[in-house]
C-alpha atoms as a PDB file:
ATOM      1  CA  UNK A   1     -51.008 -52.946 112.978  1.00  0.00           C
ATOM      2  CA  UNK A   2     -50.641 -55.152 109.918  1.00  0.00           C
ATOM      3  CA  UNK A   3     -53.752 -55.543 107.764  1.00  0.00           C
ATOM      4  CA  UNK A   4     -55.757 -58.711 108.189  1.00  0.00           C
ATOM      5  CA  UNK A   5     -54.443 -61.167 105.556  1.00  0.00           C
ATOM      6  CA  UNK A   6     -57.873 -62.012 104.181  1.00  0.00           C
ATOM      7  CA  UNK A   7     -58.766 -58.350 103.637  1.00  0.00           C
ATOM      8  CA  UNK A   8     -55.875 -57.504 101.370  1.00  0.00           C
ATOM      9  CA  UNK A   9     -55.164 -58.619  97.838  1.00  0.00           C
ATOM     10  CA  UNK A  10     -53.769 -57.270  94.587  1.00  0.00           C
ATOM     11  CA  UNK A  11     -55.325 -56.385  91.255  1.00  0.00           C
ATOM     12  CA  UNK A  12     -53.762 -55.128  87.985  1.00  0.00           C
ATOM     13  CA  UNK A  13     -53.725 -51.399  87.252  1.00  0.00           C
ATOM     14  CA  UNK A  14     -54.906 -50.757  83.704  1.00  0.00           C
ATOM     15  CA  UNK A  15     -54.948 -53.119  80.747  1.00  0.00           C
ATOM     16  CA  UNK A  16     -51.990 -55.440  80.188  1.00  0.00           C
ATOM     17  CA  UNK A  17     -50.167 -53.831  83.096  1.00  0.00           C
ATOM     18  CA  UNK A  18     -47.801 -55.608  85.450  1.00  0.00           C
ATOM     19  CA  UNK A  19     -48.297 -52.894  88.053  1.00  0.00           C
ATOM     20  CA  UNK A  20     -50.628 -53.857  90.853  1.00  0.00           C
ATOM     21  CA  UNK A  21     -52.206 -52.131  93.805  1.00  0.00           C
ATOM     22  CA  UNK A  22     -53.590 -53.266  97.121  1.00  0.00           C
ATOM     23  CA  UNK A  23     -57.328 -53.558  97.408  1.00  0.00           C
ATOM     24  CA  UNK A  24     -59.850 -55.387  99.519  1.00  0.00           C
ATOM     25  CA  UNK A  25     -62.055 -58.309  98.604  1.00  0.00           C
ATOM     26  CA  UNK A  26     -65.252 -56.241  98.675  1.00  0.00           C
ATOM     27  CA  UNK A  27     -64.193 -54.082  95.730  1.00  0.00           C
ATOM     28  CA  UNK A  28     -63.065 -56.981  93.572  1.00  0.00           C
ATOM     29  CA  UNK A  29     -66.110 -59.203  94.154  1.00  0.00           C
ATOM     30  CA  UNK A  30     -68.353 -57.493  91.598  1.00  0.00           C
ATOM     31  CA  UNK A  31     -65.731 -57.395  88.792  1.00  0.00           C
ATOM     32  CA  UNK A  32     -65.014 -61.089  89.323  1.00  0.00           C
ATOM     33  CA  UNK A  33     -68.709 -61.929  89.038  1.00  0.00           C
ATOM     34  CA  UNK A  34     -69.350 -59.614  86.084  1.00  0.00           C
ATOM     35  CA  UNK A  35     -68.490 -62.085  83.271  1.00  0.00           C
ATOM     36  CA  UNK A  36     -70.406 -64.961  84.883  1.00  0.00           C
ATOM     37  CA  UNK A  37     -74.032 -65.901  84.260  1.00  0.00           C
ATOM     38  CA  UNK A  38     -75.418 -65.919  87.807  1.00  0.00           C
ATOM     39  CA  UNK A  39     -79.121 -65.151  87.341  1.00  0.00           C
ATOM     40  CA  UNK A  40     -81.115 -67.180  89.876  1.00  0.00           C
ATOM     41  CA  UNK A  41     -77.876 -68.738  91.157  1.00  0.00           C
ATOM     42  CA  UNK A  42     -76.839 -68.993  94.799  1.00  0.00           C
ATOM     43  CA  UNK A  43     -73.754 -66.944  95.719  1.00  0.00           C
ATOM     44  CA  UNK A  44     -72.053 -67.755  99.016  1.00  0.00           C
ATOM     45  CA  UNK A  45     -69.548 -65.501 100.750  1.00  0.00           C
ATOM     46  CA  UNK A  46     -67.814 -65.079 104.073  1.00  0.00           C
ATOM     47  CA  UNK A  47     -68.487 -62.244 106.505  1.00  0.00           C
ATOM     48  CA  UNK A  48     -66.171 -59.765 104.782  1.00  0.00           C
ATOM     49  CA  UNK A  49     -68.600 -59.662 101.843  1.00  0.00           C
ATOM     50  CA  UNK A  50     -71.701 -59.106 103.973  1.00  0.00           C
ATOM     51  CA  UNK A  51     -72.164 -55.600 102.598  1.00  0.00           C
ATOM     52  CA  UNK A  52     -75.150 -53.578 101.421  1.00  0.00           C
ATOM     53  CA  UNK A  53     -73.644 -52.764  98.028  1.00  0.00           C
ATOM     54  CA  UNK A  54     -72.815 -56.357  97.197  1.00  0.00           C
ATOM     55  CA  UNK A  55     -76.245 -57.578  98.327  1.00  0.00           C
ATOM     56  CA  UNK A  56     -77.984 -55.038  96.123  1.00  0.00           C
ATOM     57  CA  UNK A  57     -75.665 -55.750  93.217  1.00  0.00           C
ATOM     58  CA  UNK A  58     -76.418 -59.484  93.386  1.00  0.00           C
ATOM     59  CA  UNK A  59     -80.178 -59.240  93.820  1.00  0.00           C
ATOM     60  CA  UNK A  60     -81.131 -56.060  91.948  1.00  0.00           C
ATOM     61  CA  UNK A  61     -78.611 -55.963  89.117  1.00  0.00           C
ATOM     62  CA  UNK A  62     -77.753 -59.641  88.604  1.00  0.00           C
ATOM     63  CA  UNK A  63     -81.022 -61.296  89.776  1.00  0.00           C
ATOM     64  CA  UNK A  64     -79.012 -63.750  91.879  1.00  0.00           C
ATOM     65  CA  UNK A  65     -79.308 -64.772  95.535  1.00  0.00           C
ATOM     66  CA  UNK A  66     -76.823 -64.445  98.358  1.00  0.00           C
ATOM     67  CA  UNK A  67     -75.890 -66.548 101.376  1.00  0.00           C
ATOM     68  CA  UNK A  68     -73.806 -64.408 103.737  1.00  0.00           C
ATOM     69  CA  UNK A  69     -72.317 -65.194 107.128  1.00  0.00           C
ATOM     70  CA  UNK A  70     -72.663 -62.419 109.698  1.00  0.00           C
ATOM     71  CA  UNK A  71     -69.887 -61.464 112.096  1.00  0.00           C
ATOM     72  CA  UNK A  72     -68.501 -58.453 113.951  1.00  0.00           C
ATOM     73  CA  UNK A  73     -68.036 -56.306 110.853  1.00  0.00           C
ATOM     74  CA  UNK A  74     -71.860 -55.927 110.876  1.00  0.00           C
ATOM     75  CA  UNK A  75     -72.377 -55.488 114.645  1.00  0.00           C
ATOM     76  CA  UNK A  76     -76.020 -54.336 114.606  1.00  0.00           C
ATOM     77  CA  UNK A  77     -77.065 -57.100 112.225  1.00  0.00           C
ATOM     78  CA  UNK A  78     -75.158 -59.650 114.307  1.00  0.00           C
ATOM     79  CA  UNK A  79     -76.783 -58.437 117.527  1.00  0.00           C
ATOM     80  CA  UNK A  80     -80.277 -58.644 116.023  1.00  0.00           C
ATOM     81  CA  UNK A  81     -79.820 -62.174 114.708  1.00  0.00           C
ATOM     82  CA  UNK A  82     -77.964 -63.542 117.736  1.00  0.00           C
ATOM     83  CA  UNK A  83     -80.570 -62.069 120.112  1.00  0.00           C
ATOM     84  CA  UNK A  84     -83.341 -63.820 118.214  1.00  0.00           C
ATOM     85  CA  UNK A  85     -81.668 -67.226 118.380  1.00  0.00           C
ATOM     86  CA  UNK A  86     -80.006 -66.802 121.776  1.00  0.00           C
ATOM     87  CA  UNK A  87     -82.802 -68.288 123.847  1.00  0.00           C
ATOM     88  CA  UNK A  88     -84.049 -70.648 121.167  1.00  0.00           C
ATOM     89  CA  UNK A  89     -84.866 -73.991 122.768  1.00  0.00           C
ATOM     90  CA  UNK A  90     -86.512 -75.584 119.752  1.00  0.00           C
ATOM     91  CA  UNK A  91     -85.189 -78.672 118.007  1.00  0.00           C
ATOM     92  CA  UNK A  92     -82.967 -77.998 114.974  1.00  0.00           C
ATOM     93  CA  UNK A  93     -84.762 -77.948 111.638  1.00  0.00           C
ATOM     94  CA  UNK A  94     -82.040 -80.005 109.964  1.00  0.00           C
ATOM     95  CA  UNK A  95     -78.964 -81.958 111.069  1.00  0.00           C
ATOM     96  CA  UNK A  96     -75.969 -83.009 109.003  1.00  0.00           C
ATOM     97  CA  UNK A  97     -73.142 -85.294 110.170  1.00  0.00           C
ATOM     98  CA  UNK A  98     -69.902 -86.000 108.352  1.00  0.00           C
ATOM     99  CA  UNK A  99     -66.621 -87.711 109.197  1.00  0.00           C
ATOM    100  CA  UNK A 100     -64.612 -84.796 107.844  1.00  0.00           C
ATOM    101  CA  UNK A 101     -61.105 -84.737 106.366  1.00  0.00           C
ATOM    102  CA  UNK A 102     -59.138 -83.768 109.438  1.00  0.00           C
ATOM    103  CA  UNK A 103     -59.608 -86.693 111.796  1.00  0.00           C
ATOM    104  CA  UNK A 104     -62.792 -85.393 113.345  1.00  0.00           C
ATOM    105  CA  UNK A 105     -66.528 -85.928 113.256  1.00  0.00           C
ATOM    106  CA  UNK A 106     -68.492 -82.788 112.475  1.00  0.00           C
ATOM    107  CA  UNK A 107     -72.179 -82.298 113.270  1.00  0.00           C
ATOM    108  CA  UNK A 108     -74.053 -79.274 111.920  1.00  0.00           C
ATOM    109  CA  UNK A 109     -77.472 -78.152 113.167  1.00  0.00           C
ATOM    110  CA  UNK A 110     -79.504 -75.319 111.677  1.00  0.00           C
ATOM    111  CA  UNK A 111     -82.345 -73.072 112.796  1.00  0.00           C
ATOM    112  CA  UNK A 112     -83.989 -70.530 110.461  1.00  0.00           C
ATOM    113  CA  UNK A 113     -86.419 -67.622 110.767  1.00  0.00           C
ATOM    114  CA  UNK A 114     -88.193 -65.145 108.529  1.00  0.00           C
ATOM    115  CA  UNK A 115     -89.427 -63.061 111.459  1.00  0.00           C
ATOM    116  CA  UNK A 116     -86.503 -60.643 111.128  1.00  0.00           C
ATOM    117  CA  UNK A 117     -86.965 -59.886 107.436  1.00  0.00           C
ATOM    118  CA  UNK A 118     -88.656 -56.514 107.959  1.00  0.00           C
ATOM    119  CA  UNK A 119     -86.765 -55.696 111.139  1.00  0.00           C
ATOM    120  CA  UNK A 120     -83.082 -56.016 110.303  1.00  0.00           C
ATOM    121  CA  UNK A 121     -81.356 -53.206 108.466  1.00  0.00           C
ATOM    122  CA  UNK A 122     -80.017 -55.083 105.457  1.00  0.00           C
ATOM    123  CA  UNK A 123     -81.349 -55.312 101.883  1.00  0.00           C
ATOM    124  CA  UNK A 124     -83.328 -58.254 100.526  1.00  0.00           C
ATOM    125  CA  UNK A 125     -83.188 -60.533 103.572  1.00  0.00           C
ATOM    126  CA  UNK A 126     -85.396 -63.585 102.981  1.00  0.00           C
ATOM    127  CA  UNK A 127     -84.273 -65.570 106.016  1.00  0.00           C
ATOM    128  CA  UNK A 128     -81.811 -65.444 108.873  1.00  0.00           C
ATOM    129  CA  UNK A 129     -80.216 -68.603 110.198  1.00  0.00           C
ATOM    130  CA  UNK A 130     -78.026 -69.997 112.961  1.00  0.00           C
ATOM    131  CA  UNK A 131     -75.756 -73.006 112.450  1.00  0.00           C
ATOM    132  CA  UNK A 132     -74.190 -74.819 115.366  1.00  0.00           C
ATOM    133  CA  UNK A 133     -71.114 -76.882 114.583  1.00  0.00           C
ATOM    134  CA  UNK A 134     -69.834 -79.568 116.928  1.00  0.00           C
ATOM    135  CA  UNK A 135     -66.418 -81.134 116.345  1.00  0.00           C
ATOM    136  CA  UNK A 136     -65.299 -84.389 117.936  1.00  0.00           C
ATOM    137  CA  UNK A 137     -61.627 -85.306 117.600  1.00  0.00           C
ATOM    138  CA  UNK A 138     -61.570 -89.008 116.698  1.00  0.00           C
ATOM    139  CA  UNK A 139     -58.201 -89.528 118.368  1.00  0.00           C
ATOM    140  CA  UNK A 140     -58.703 -87.714 121.663  1.00  0.00           C
ATOM    141  CA  UNK A 141     -62.485 -87.480 121.963  1.00  0.00           C
ATOM    142  CA  UNK A 142     -62.192 -83.735 122.596  1.00  0.00           C
ATOM    143  CA  UNK A 143     -65.378 -81.801 121.785  1.00  0.00           C
ATOM    144  CA  UNK A 144     -65.574 -78.199 120.576  1.00  0.00           C
ATOM    145  CA  UNK A 145     -68.484 -76.104 119.338  1.00  0.00           C
ATOM    146  CA  UNK A 146     -69.069 -72.861 117.512  1.00  0.00           C
ATOM    147  CA  UNK A 147     -72.149 -70.948 116.415  1.00  0.00           C
ATOM    148  CA  UNK A 148     -72.399 -69.206 113.058  1.00  0.00           C
ATOM    149  CA  UNK A 149     -75.077 -66.709 112.039  1.00  0.00           C
ATOM    150  CA  UNK A 150     -76.087 -65.768 108.531  1.00  0.00           C
ATOM    151  CA  UNK A 151     -78.652 -64.384 106.118  1.00  0.00           C
ATOM    152  CA  UNK A 152     -79.916 -65.313 102.696  1.00  0.00           C
ATOM    153  CA  UNK A 153     -82.066 -63.542 100.144  1.00  0.00           C
ATOM    154  CA  UNK A 154     -83.902 -66.817  99.489  1.00  0.00           C
ATOM    155  CA  UNK A 155     -87.299 -66.980 101.175  1.00  0.00           C
ATOM    156  CA  UNK A 156     -88.498 -70.093 103.003  1.00  0.00           C
ATOM    157  CA  UNK A 157     -90.446 -71.345 100.011  1.00  0.00           C
ATOM    158  CA  UNK A 158     -87.284 -71.095  97.911  1.00  0.00           C
ATOM    159  CA  UNK A 159     -84.739 -72.526 100.340  1.00  0.00           C
ATOM    160  CA  UNK A 160     -85.524 -74.974 103.128  1.00  0.00           C
ATOM    161  CA  UNK A 161     -83.078 -75.552 106.034  1.00  0.00           C
ATOM    162  CA  UNK A 162     -81.384 -78.458 104.249  1.00  0.00           C
ATOM    163  CA  UNK A 163     -80.657 -76.318 101.208  1.00  0.00           C
ATOM    164  CA  UNK A 164     -79.179 -73.524 103.316  1.00  0.00           C
ATOM    165  CA  UNK A 165     -77.068 -76.009 105.254  1.00  0.00           C
ATOM    166  CA  UNK A 166     -75.841 -77.562 102.006  1.00  0.00           C
ATOM    167  CA  UNK A 167     -74.852 -74.184 100.544  1.00  0.00           C
ATOM    168  CA  UNK A 168     -72.979 -73.054 103.653  1.00  0.00           C
ATOM    169  CA  UNK A 169     -71.289 -76.409 104.059  1.00  0.00           C
ATOM    170  CA  UNK A 170     -70.160 -76.262 100.432  1.00  0.00           C
ATOM    171  CA  UNK A 171     -68.699 -72.816 101.016  1.00  0.00           C
ATOM    172  CA  UNK A 172     -66.798 -73.994 104.090  1.00  0.00           C
ATOM    173  CA  UNK A 173     -65.469 -77.068 102.316  1.00  0.00           C
ATOM    174  CA  UNK A 174     -63.914 -74.926  99.570  1.00  0.00           C
ATOM    175  CA  UNK A 175     -62.278 -72.615 102.084  1.00  0.00           C
ATOM    176  CA  UNK A 176     -60.987 -75.493 104.191  1.00  0.00           C
ATOM    177  CA  UNK A 177     -59.781 -77.506 101.209  1.00  0.00           C
ATOM    178  CA  UNK A 178     -57.435 -75.029  99.596  1.00  0.00           C
ATOM    179  CA  UNK A 179     -58.143 -71.337  99.999  1.00  0.00           C
ATOM    180  CA  UNK A 180     -57.834 -71.445 103.774  1.00  0.00           C
ATOM    181  CA  UNK A 181     -54.445 -73.153 103.547  1.00  0.00           C
ATOM    182  CA  UNK A 182     -53.222 -70.641 100.981  1.00  0.00           C
ATOM    183  CA  UNK A 183     -54.523 -67.665 102.949  1.00  0.00           C
ATOM    184  CA  UNK A 184     -53.400 -68.639 106.410  1.00  0.00           C
ATOM    185  CA  UNK A 185     -50.469 -71.044 106.105  1.00  0.00           C
ATOM    186  CA  UNK A 186     -48.802 -69.349 103.155  1.00  0.00           C
ATOM    187  CA  UNK A 187     -50.195 -65.890 104.027  1.00  0.00           C
ATOM    188  CA  UNK A 188     -50.752 -65.608 100.278  1.00  0.00           C
ATOM    189  CA  UNK A 189     -52.708 -62.367 100.302  1.00  0.00           C
ATOM    190  CA  UNK A 190     -49.656 -60.484 101.614  1.00  0.00           C
ATOM    191  CA  UNK A 191     -47.192 -62.103  99.251  1.00  0.00           C
ATOM    192  CA  UNK A 192     -44.754 -59.570  97.734  1.00  0.00           C
ATOM    193  CA  UNK A 193     -44.487 -61.448  94.413  1.00  0.00           C
ATOM    194  CA  UNK A 194     -46.558 -59.180  92.200  1.00  0.00           C
ATOM    195  CA  UNK A 195     -45.088 -58.816  88.717  1.00  0.00           C
ATOM    196  CA  UNK A 196     -45.207 -60.805  85.501  1.00  0.00           C
ATOM    197  CA  UNK A 197     -46.177 -64.447  85.855  1.00  0.00           C
ATOM    198  CA  UNK A 198     -44.755 -64.582  89.384  1.00  0.00           C
ATOM    199  CA  UNK A 199     -48.079 -64.557  91.305  1.00  0.00           C
ATOM    200  CA  UNK A 200     -49.610 -67.242  89.073  1.00  0.00           C
ATOM    201  CA  UNK A 201     -46.518 -69.457  89.208  1.00  0.00           C
ATOM    202  CA  UNK A 202     -46.041 -69.267  92.976  1.00  0.00           C
ATOM    203  CA  UNK A 203     -49.727 -70.052  93.519  1.00  0.00           C
ATOM    204  CA  UNK A 204     -49.420 -73.121  91.286  1.00  0.00           C
ATOM    205  CA  UNK A 205     -46.353 -74.284  93.203  1.00  0.00           C
ATOM    206  CA  UNK A 206     -48.138 -73.814  96.516  1.00  0.00           C
ATOM    207  CA  UNK A 207     -51.194 -75.703  95.311  1.00  0.00           C
ATOM    208  CA  UNK A 208     -48.928 -78.483  94.063  1.00  0.00           C
ATOM    209  CA  UNK A 209     -47.281 -78.678  97.486  1.00  0.00           C
ATOM    210  CA  UNK A 210     -50.690 -78.845  99.176  1.00  0.00           C
ATOM    211  CA  UNK A 211     -51.780 -81.619  96.795  1.00  0.00           C
ATOM    212  CA  UNK A 212     -48.639 -83.648  97.528  1.00  0.00           C
ATOM    213  CA  UNK A 213     -49.217 -83.387 101.277  1.00  0.00           C
ATOM    214  CA  UNK A 214     -52.900 -84.260 100.925  1.00  0.00           C
ATOM    215  CA  UNK A 215     -52.035 -87.313  98.821  1.00  0.00           C
ATOM    216  CA  UNK A 216     -50.325 -88.793 101.885  1.00  0.00           C
ATOM    217  CA  UNK A 217     -53.621 -88.806 103.819  1.00  0.00           C
ATOM    218  CA  UNK A 218     -52.177 -86.719 106.636  1.00  0.00           C
ATOM    219  CA  UNK A 219     -54.170 -85.781 109.724  1.00  0.00           C
ATOM    220  CA  UNK A 220     -53.543 -82.063 109.271  1.00  0.00           C
ATOM    221  CA  UNK A 221     -52.041 -80.312 106.251  1.00  0.00           C
ATOM    222  CA  UNK A 222     -51.074 -77.299 108.363  1.00  0.00           C
ATOM    223  CA  UNK A 223     -49.347 -79.460 110.959  1.00  0.00           C
ATOM    224  CA  UNK A 224     -47.403 -81.396 108.327  1.00  0.00           C
ATOM    225  CA  UNK A 225     -46.313 -78.121 106.694  1.00  0.00           C
ATOM    226  CA  UNK A 226     -44.972 -76.901 110.026  1.00  0.00           C
ATOM    227  CA  UNK A 227     -43.083 -80.160 110.589  1.00  0.00           C
ATOM    228  CA  UNK A 228     -41.485 -80.075 107.143  1.00  0.00           C
ATOM    229  CA  UNK A 229     -40.570 -76.380 107.366  1.00  0.00           C
ATOM    230  CA  UNK A 230     -38.149 -77.122 110.227  1.00  0.00           C
ATOM    231  CA  UNK A 231     -36.411 -80.057 108.558  1.00  0.00           C
ATOM    232  CA  UNK A 232     -35.215 -79.785 104.971  1.00  0.00           C
ATOM    233  CA  UNK A 233     -34.112 -83.427 104.908  1.00  0.00           C
ATOM    234  CA  UNK A 234     -37.613 -84.457 105.942  1.00  0.00           C
ATOM    235  CA  UNK A 235     -38.993 -82.685 102.874  1.00  0.00           C
ATOM    236  CA  UNK A 236     -36.865 -84.823 100.542  1.00  0.00           C
ATOM    237  CA  UNK A 237     -37.684 -87.966 102.533  1.00  0.00           C
ATOM    238  CA  UNK A 238     -41.353 -87.051 102.241  1.00  0.00           C
ATOM    239  CA  UNK A 239     -41.023 -86.666  98.470  1.00  0.00           C
ATOM    240  CA  UNK A 240     -38.968 -89.881  98.274  1.00  0.00           C
ATOM    241  CA  UNK A 241     -36.049 -88.002  96.706  1.00  0.00           C
ATOM    242  CA  UNK A 242     -33.305 -89.065  99.146  1.00  0.00           C
ATOM    243  CA  UNK A 243     -30.336 -91.257  98.195  1.00  0.00           C
ATOM    244  CA  UNK A 244     -31.744 -94.156 100.199  1.00  0.00           C
ATOM    245  CA  UNK A 245     -34.977 -94.120  98.231  1.00  0.00           C
ATOM    246  CA  UNK A 246     -33.184 -93.756  94.884  1.00  0.00           C
ATOM    247  CA  UNK A 247     -30.998 -96.755  95.731  1.00  0.00           C
ATOM    248  CA  UNK A 248     -34.087 -98.809  96.453  1.00  0.00           C
ATOM    249  CA  UNK A 249     -35.546 -97.856  93.073  1.00  0.00           C
ATOM    250  CA  UNK A 250     -32.301 -98.786  91.261  1.00  0.00           C
ATOM    251  CA  UNK A 251     -32.270-102.197  92.849  1.00  0.00           C
END
């Protein structure tokens, strides 16, 4: 089985070396954060980073705070949190609605609890939370929902539901804006370009391509990429580089 694309990356071996090795995102998180001043800052991360070592590193060594999503890679933690919220019939503590960038209306609702702080087996938990997301396609009216669980080291007096929702939404927006497209549509983490300035240059080209597509106000970047990948002429038409367009400019 091929490794999951988001779990594999590359890092240099030694100083000033063009040799690289495969690694996972957990091991590179701390070195990436090391030069940054993060004391009392909020650090968000997806489920891959929901790890004891990283939580302790952030809170104990760097005096920062984490906001982690919880999924199947932490099954006991997920079971504990989902069981708590499973039969929750209370009204959401905060609601956020946005039109979104992909032709859909997105509604986010959040519930929080500090009742699990001493029960769950994870360091420095200040609150657990559940976020329900509802998506309505503005063209078709189709409705879809998902439920996301998470934890934060911030206690209730430090982070109310609106703050948690804002932090998680900000994290999602970054992933959806660029990183998600690079990871999943370009499968960037498994790219074989690994030496010299190759990785940096190909990433810049990919980001440029994404920016060009986004500038056209398309419904879906991924869908437009698929359409263009099957028609080379369409790419040049899209970039207004065809003979017909050049003739128009000359006139």
